[in-house]
Amino acid sequence: WGRPEILAGMPPYMGGGEMISRVTL
């Protein structure tokens, strides 16, 4: 659990499916 405002400012920890909004090359 993290304060939502803190989580919102954190970069991804792992990359892949589901954690994206839009992917281009």
PDB file of all heavy atoms in Angstrom:
ATOM      1  N   TRP A   1       0.858  -1.176   0.000  1.00  0.00           N
ATOM      2  CA  TRP A   1       0.000   0.000   0.000  1.00  0.00           C
ATOM      3  C   TRP A   1       0.897   1.229   0.000  1.00  0.00           C
ATOM      4  O   TRP A   1       1.895   1.295   0.726  1.00  0.00           O
ATOM      5  CB  TRP A   1      -0.911   0.044   1.222  1.00  0.00           C
ATOM      6  CG  TRP A   1      -1.688   1.336   1.281  1.00  0.00           C
ATOM      7  CD1 TRP A   1      -2.833   1.627   0.614  1.00  0.00           C
ATOM      8  CD2 TRP A   1      -1.328   2.526   1.994  1.00  0.00           C
ATOM      9  NE1 TRP A   1      -3.228   2.917   0.877  1.00  0.00           N
ATOM     10  CE2 TRP A   1      -2.317   3.487   1.717  1.00  0.00           C
ATOM     11  CE3 TRP A   1      -0.269   2.860   2.835  1.00  0.00           C
ATOM     12  CZ2 TRP A   1      -2.283   4.772   2.264  1.00  0.00           C
ATOM     13  CZ3 TRP A   1      -0.226   4.141   3.375  1.00  0.00           C
ATOM     14  CH2 TRP A   1      -1.231   5.075   3.088  1.00  0.00           C
ATOM     15  N   GLY A   2       0.556   2.189  -0.831  1.00  0.00           N
ATOM     16  CA  GLY A   2       1.259   3.460  -0.841  1.00  0.00           C
ATOM     17  C   GLY A   2       0.268   4.587  -0.969  1.00  0.00           C
ATOM     18  O   GLY A   2      -0.825   4.408  -1.540  1.00  0.00           O
ATOM     19  N   ARG A   3       0.627   5.736  -0.457  1.00  0.00           N
ATOM     20  CA  ARG A   3      -0.247   6.892  -0.647  1.00  0.00           C
ATOM     21  C   ARG A   3      -0.402   7.131  -2.146  1.00  0.00           C
ATOM     22  O   ARG A   3       0.592   7.212  -2.872  1.00  0.00           O
ATOM     23  CB  ARG A   3       0.335   8.120   0.047  1.00  0.00           C
ATOM     24  CG  ARG A   3       0.394   7.986   1.550  1.00  0.00           C
ATOM     25  CD  ARG A   3       0.673   9.316   2.231  1.00  0.00           C
ATOM     26  NE  ARG A   3       0.750   9.133   3.667  1.00  0.00           N
ATOM     27  CZ  ARG A   3      -0.305   9.051   4.488  1.00  0.00           C
ATOM     28  NH1 ARG A   3      -1.533   9.165   3.985  1.00  0.00           N
ATOM     29  NH2 ARG A   3      -0.149   8.860   5.776  1.00  0.00           N
ATOM     30  N   PRO A   4      -1.641   7.204  -2.636  1.00  0.00           N
ATOM     31  CA  PRO A   4      -1.845   7.295  -4.085  1.00  0.00           C
ATOM     32  C   PRO A   4      -1.065   8.408  -4.764  1.00  0.00           C
ATOM     33  O   PRO A   4      -0.567   8.232  -5.875  1.00  0.00           O
ATOM     34  CB  PRO A   4      -3.361   7.500  -4.203  1.00  0.00           C
ATOM     35  CG  PRO A   4      -3.921   6.806  -2.997  1.00  0.00           C
ATOM     36  CD  PRO A   4      -2.925   7.068  -1.906  1.00  0.00           C
ATOM     37  N   GLU A   5      -0.926   9.546  -4.085  1.00  0.00           N
ATOM     38  CA  GLU A   5      -0.204  10.656  -4.699  1.00  0.00           C
ATOM     39  C   GLU A   5       1.290  10.344  -4.831  1.00  0.00           C
ATOM     40  O   GLU A   5       1.965  10.849  -5.742  1.00  0.00           O
ATOM     41  CB  GLU A   5      -0.416  11.950  -3.911  1.00  0.00           C
ATOM     42  CG  GLU A   5       0.137  11.949  -2.500  1.00  0.00           C
ATOM     43  CD  GLU A   5      -0.831  11.410  -1.453  1.00  0.00           C
ATOM     44  OE1 GLU A   5      -1.780  10.687  -1.837  1.00  0.00           O
ATOM     45  OE2 GLU A   5      -0.631  11.714  -0.264  1.00  0.00           O
ATOM     46  N   ILE A   6       1.814   9.512  -3.941  1.00  0.00           N
ATOM     47  CA  ILE A   6       3.223   9.109  -4.045  1.00  0.00           C
ATOM     48  C   ILE A   6       3.389   8.075  -5.140  1.00  0.00           C
ATOM     49  O   ILE A   6       4.293   8.171  -5.981  1.00  0.00           O
ATOM     50  CB  ILE A   6       3.742   8.569  -2.701  1.00  0.00           C
ATOM     51  CG1 ILE A   6       3.675   9.662  -1.636  1.00  0.00           C
ATOM     52  CG2 ILE A   6       5.169   8.046  -2.845  1.00  0.00           C
ATOM     53  CD1 ILE A   6       4.050   9.188  -0.246  1.00  0.00           C
ATOM     54  N   LEU A   7       2.502   7.078  -5.169  1.00  0.00           N
ATOM     55  CA  LEU A   7       2.561   6.059  -6.217  1.00  0.00           C
ATOM     56  C   LEU A   7       2.449   6.696  -7.601  1.00  0.00           C
ATOM     57  O   LEU A   7       3.122   6.267  -8.548  1.00  0.00           O
ATOM     58  CB  LEU A   7       1.440   5.033  -6.030  1.00  0.00           C
ATOM     59  CG  LEU A   7       1.519   4.118  -4.806  1.00  0.00           C
ATOM     60  CD1 LEU A   7       0.286   3.215  -4.760  1.00  0.00           C
ATOM     61  CD2 LEU A   7       2.787   3.277  -4.813  1.00  0.00           C
ATOM     62  N   ALA A   8       1.614   7.724  -7.724  1.00  0.00           N
ATOM     63  CA  ALA A   8       1.399   8.362  -9.031  1.00  0.00           C
ATOM     64  C   ALA A   8       2.669   8.987  -9.577  1.00  0.00           C
ATOM     65  O   ALA A   8       2.833   9.106 -10.804  1.00  0.00           O
ATOM     66  CB  ALA A   8       0.294   9.418  -8.926  1.00  0.00           C
ATOM     67  N   GLY A   9       3.587   9.367  -8.693  1.00  0.00           N
ATOM     68  CA  GLY A   9       4.822   9.989  -9.136  1.00  0.00           C
ATOM     69  C   GLY A   9       5.981   9.021  -9.302  1.00  0.00           C
ATOM     70  O   GLY A   9       7.098   9.458  -9.636  1.00  0.00           O
ATOM     71  N   MET A  10       5.732   7.728  -9.084  1.00  0.00           N
ATOM     72  CA  MET A  10       6.810   6.736  -9.162  1.00  0.00           C
ATOM     73  C   MET A  10       6.886   6.114 -10.552  1.00  0.00           C
ATOM     74  O   MET A  10       5.850   5.809 -11.153  1.00  0.00           O
ATOM     75  CB  MET A  10       6.591   5.642  -8.112  1.00  0.00           C
ATOM     76  CG  MET A  10       6.827   6.120  -6.689  1.00  0.00           C
ATOM     77  SD  MET A  10       6.207   4.988  -5.396  1.00  0.00           S
ATOM     78  CE  MET A  10       6.900   3.410  -5.888  1.00  0.00           C
ATOM     79  N   PRO A  11       8.101   5.886 -11.066  1.00  0.00           N
ATOM     80  CA  PRO A  11       8.243   5.226 -12.376  1.00  0.00           C
ATOM     81  C   PRO A  11       7.998   3.731 -12.264  1.00  0.00           C
ATOM     82  O   PRO A  11       7.992   3.167 -11.163  1.00  0.00           O
ATOM     83  CB  PRO A  11       9.702   5.514 -12.740  1.00  0.00           C
ATOM     84  CG  PRO A  11      10.392   5.628 -11.424  1.00  0.00           C
ATOM     85  CD  PRO A  11       9.403   6.277 -10.502  1.00  0.00           C
ATOM     86  N   PRO A  12       7.789   3.044 -13.393  1.00  0.00           N
ATOM     87  CA  PRO A  12       7.576   1.597 -13.365  1.00  0.00           C
ATOM     88  C   PRO A  12       8.759   0.863 -12.739  1.00  0.00           C
ATOM     89  O   PRO A  12       9.903   1.322 -12.787  1.00  0.00           O
ATOM     90  CB  PRO A  12       7.435   1.227 -14.842  1.00  0.00           C
ATOM     91  CG  PRO A  12       7.020   2.494 -15.498  1.00  0.00           C
ATOM     92  CD  PRO A  12       7.684   3.595 -14.740  1.00  0.00           C
ATOM     93  N   TYR A  13       8.444  -0.280 -12.161  1.00  0.00           N
ATOM     94  CA  TYR A  13       9.466  -1.149 -11.584  1.00  0.00           C
ATOM     95  C   TYR A  13       9.851  -2.246 -12.572  1.00  0.00           C
ATOM     96  O   TYR A  13      11.006  -2.632 -12.655  1.00  0.00           O
ATOM     97  CB  TYR A  13       8.926  -1.754 -10.287  1.00  0.00           C
ATOM     98  CG  TYR A  13       9.862  -2.700  -9.572  1.00  0.00           C
ATOM     99  CD1 TYR A  13      11.150  -2.296  -9.222  1.00  0.00           C
ATOM    100  CD2 TYR A  13       9.444  -3.978  -9.223  1.00  0.00           C
ATOM    101  CE1 TYR A  13      12.002  -3.150  -8.548  1.00  0.00           C
ATOM    102  CE2 TYR A  13      10.292  -4.840  -8.547  1.00  0.00           C
ATOM    103  CZ  TYR A  13      11.571  -4.424  -8.216  1.00  0.00           C
ATOM    104  OH  TYR A  13      12.410  -5.274  -7.542  1.00  0.00           O
ATOM    105  N   MET A  14       8.870  -2.742 -13.320  1.00  0.00           N
ATOM    106  CA  MET A  14       9.090  -3.723 -14.386  1.00  0.00           C
ATOM    107  C   MET A  14       8.298  -3.290 -15.609  1.00  0.00           C
ATOM    108  O   MET A  14       7.259  -2.645 -15.473  1.00  0.00           O
ATOM    109  CB  MET A  14       8.661  -5.134 -13.965  1.00  0.00           C
ATOM    110  CG  MET A  14       9.481  -5.737 -12.857  1.00  0.00           C
ATOM    111  SD  MET A  14       9.121  -7.507 -12.639  1.00  0.00           S
ATOM    112  CE  MET A  14       7.383  -7.455 -12.228  1.00  0.00           C
ATOM    113  N   GLY A  15       8.781  -3.676 -16.786  1.00  0.00           N
ATOM    114  CA  GLY A  15       8.083  -3.348 -18.019  1.00  0.00           C
ATOM    115  C   GLY A  15       7.438  -4.571 -18.635  1.00  0.00           C
ATOM    116  O   GLY A  15       7.907  -5.690 -18.468  1.00  0.00           O
ATOM    117  N   GLY A  16       6.331  -4.350 -19.359  1.00  0.00           N
ATOM    118  CA  GLY A  16       5.643  -5.448 -20.021  1.00  0.00           C
ATOM    119  C   GLY A  16       4.193  -5.124 -20.251  1.00  0.00           C
ATOM    120  O   GLY A  16       3.796  -3.961 -20.304  1.00  0.00           O
ATOM    121  N   GLY A  17       3.392  -6.180 -20.377  1.00  0.00           N
ATOM    122  CA  GLY A  17       1.966  -5.983 -20.588  1.00  0.00           C
ATOM    123  C   GLY A  17       1.280  -5.455 -19.351  1.00  0.00           C
ATOM    124  O   GLY A  17       1.760  -5.605 -18.228  1.00  0.00           O
ATOM    125  N   GLU A  18       0.154  -4.799 -19.561  1.00  0.00           N
ATOM    126  CA  GLU A  18      -0.739  -4.301 -18.514  1.00  0.00           C
ATOM    127  C   GLU A  18      -0.268  -3.027 -17.848  1.00  0.00           C
ATOM    128  O   GLU A  18      -1.081  -2.261 -17.346  1.00  0.00           O
ATOM    129  CB  GLU A  18      -0.997  -5.363 -17.432  1.00  0.00           C
ATOM    130  CG  GLU A  18      -1.906  -6.482 -17.864  1.00  0.00           C
ATOM    131  CD  GLU A  18      -3.231  -5.980 -18.407  1.00  0.00           C
ATOM    132  OE1 GLU A  18      -3.955  -5.270 -17.692  1.00  0.00           O
ATOM    133  OE2 GLU A  18      -3.545  -6.272 -19.565  1.00  0.00           O
ATOM    134  N   MET A  19       1.048  -2.785 -17.795  1.00  0.00           N
ATOM    135  CA  MET A  19       1.514  -1.589 -17.085  1.00  0.00           C
ATOM    136  C   MET A  19       1.643  -0.390 -18.018  1.00  0.00           C
ATOM    137  O   MET A  19       2.138   0.659 -17.626  1.00  0.00           O
ATOM    138  CB  MET A  19       2.840  -1.852 -16.363  1.00  0.00           C
ATOM    139  CG  MET A  19       3.940  -2.508 -17.172  1.00  0.00           C
ATOM    140  SD  MET A  19       4.774  -1.455 -18.372  1.00  0.00           S
ATOM    141  CE  MET A  19       5.582  -0.299 -17.306  1.00  0.00           C
ATOM    142  N   ILE A  20       1.155  -0.544 -19.232  1.00  0.00           N
ATOM    143  CA  ILE A  20       1.333   0.506 -20.229  1.00  0.00           C
ATOM    144  C   ILE A  20       0.013   1.208 -20.541  1.00  0.00           C
ATOM    145  O   ILE A  20      -1.076   0.682 -20.304  1.00  0.00           O
ATOM    146  CB  ILE A  20       1.925  -0.072 -21.536  1.00  0.00           C
ATOM    147  CG1 ILE A  20       1.049  -1.214 -22.085  1.00  0.00           C
ATOM    148  CG2 ILE A  20       3.328  -0.572 -21.278  1.00  0.00           C
ATOM    149  CD1 ILE A  20      -0.036  -0.809 -23.013  1.00  0.00           C
ATOM    150  N   SER A  21       0.132   2.424 -21.085  1.00  0.00           N
ATOM    151  CA  SER A  21      -1.006   3.111 -21.668  1.00  0.00           C
ATOM    152  C   SER A  21      -0.937   2.996 -23.184  1.00  0.00           C
ATOM    153  O   SER A  21      -1.892   2.605 -23.851  1.00  0.00           O
ATOM    154  CB  SER A  21      -1.015   4.583 -21.235  1.00  0.00           C
ATOM    155  OG  SER A  21      -2.059   5.288 -21.871  1.00  0.00           O
ATOM    156  N   ARG A  22       0.252   3.301 -23.735  1.00  0.00           N
ATOM    157  CA  ARG A  22       0.446   3.208 -25.179  1.00  0.00           C
ATOM    158  C   ARG A  22       1.918   2.918 -25.454  1.00  0.00           C
ATOM    159  O   ARG A  22       2.806   3.501 -24.824  1.00  0.00           O
ATOM    160  CB  ARG A  22       0.028   4.514 -25.858  1.00  0.00           C
ATOM    161  CG  ARG A  22       0.104   4.501 -27.380  1.00  0.00           C
ATOM    162  CD  ARG A  22      -0.567   5.739 -27.944  1.00  0.00           C
ATOM    163  NE  ARG A  22      -0.580   5.720 -29.401  1.00  0.00           N
ATOM    164  CZ  ARG A  22       0.362   6.272 -30.169  1.00  0.00           C
ATOM    165  NH1 ARG A  22       1.403   6.884 -29.588  1.00  0.00           N
ATOM    166  NH2 ARG A  22       0.290   6.229 -31.476  1.00  0.00           N
ATOM    167  N   VAL A  23       2.152   1.991 -26.389  1.00  0.00           N
ATOM    168  CA  VAL A  23       3.521   1.624 -26.747  1.00  0.00           C
ATOM    169  C   VAL A  23       3.747   1.891 -28.227  1.00  0.00           C
ATOM    170  O   VAL A  23       2.949   1.484 -29.075  1.00  0.00           O
ATOM    171  CB  VAL A  23       3.793   0.126 -26.446  1.00  0.00           C
ATOM    172  CG1 VAL A  23       5.201  -0.263 -26.912  1.00  0.00           C
ATOM    173  CG2 VAL A  23       3.630  -0.162 -24.968  1.00  0.00           C
ATOM    174  N   THR A  24       4.815   2.595 -28.538  1.00  0.00           N
ATOM    175  CA  THR A  24       5.297   2.728 -29.913  1.00  0.00           C
ATOM    176  C   THR A  24       6.771   2.375 -29.909  1.00  0.00           C
ATOM    177  O   THR A  24       7.399   2.244 -28.841  1.00  0.00           O
ATOM    178  CB  THR A  24       5.119   4.166 -30.442  1.00  0.00           C
ATOM    179  OG1 THR A  24       6.028   5.031 -29.753  1.00  0.00           O
ATOM    180  CG2 THR A  24       3.686   4.654 -30.257  1.00  0.00           C
ATOM    181  N   LEU A  25       7.341   2.200 -31.078  1.00  0.00           N
ATOM    182  CA  LEU A  25       8.767   1.915 -31.146  1.00  0.00           C
ATOM    183  C   LEU A  25       9.592   3.102 -30.678  1.00  0.00           C
ATOM    184  O   LEU A  25      10.769   2.953 -30.321  1.00  0.00           O
ATOM    185  CB  LEU A  25       9.165   1.521 -32.567  1.00  0.00           C
ATOM    186  CG  LEU A  25       8.585   0.186 -33.068  1.00  0.00           C
ATOM    187  CD1 LEU A  25       9.028  -0.072 -34.501  1.00  0.00           C
ATOM    188  CD2 LEU A  25       9.009  -0.956 -32.147  1.00  0.00           C
TER     189      LEU A  25
END
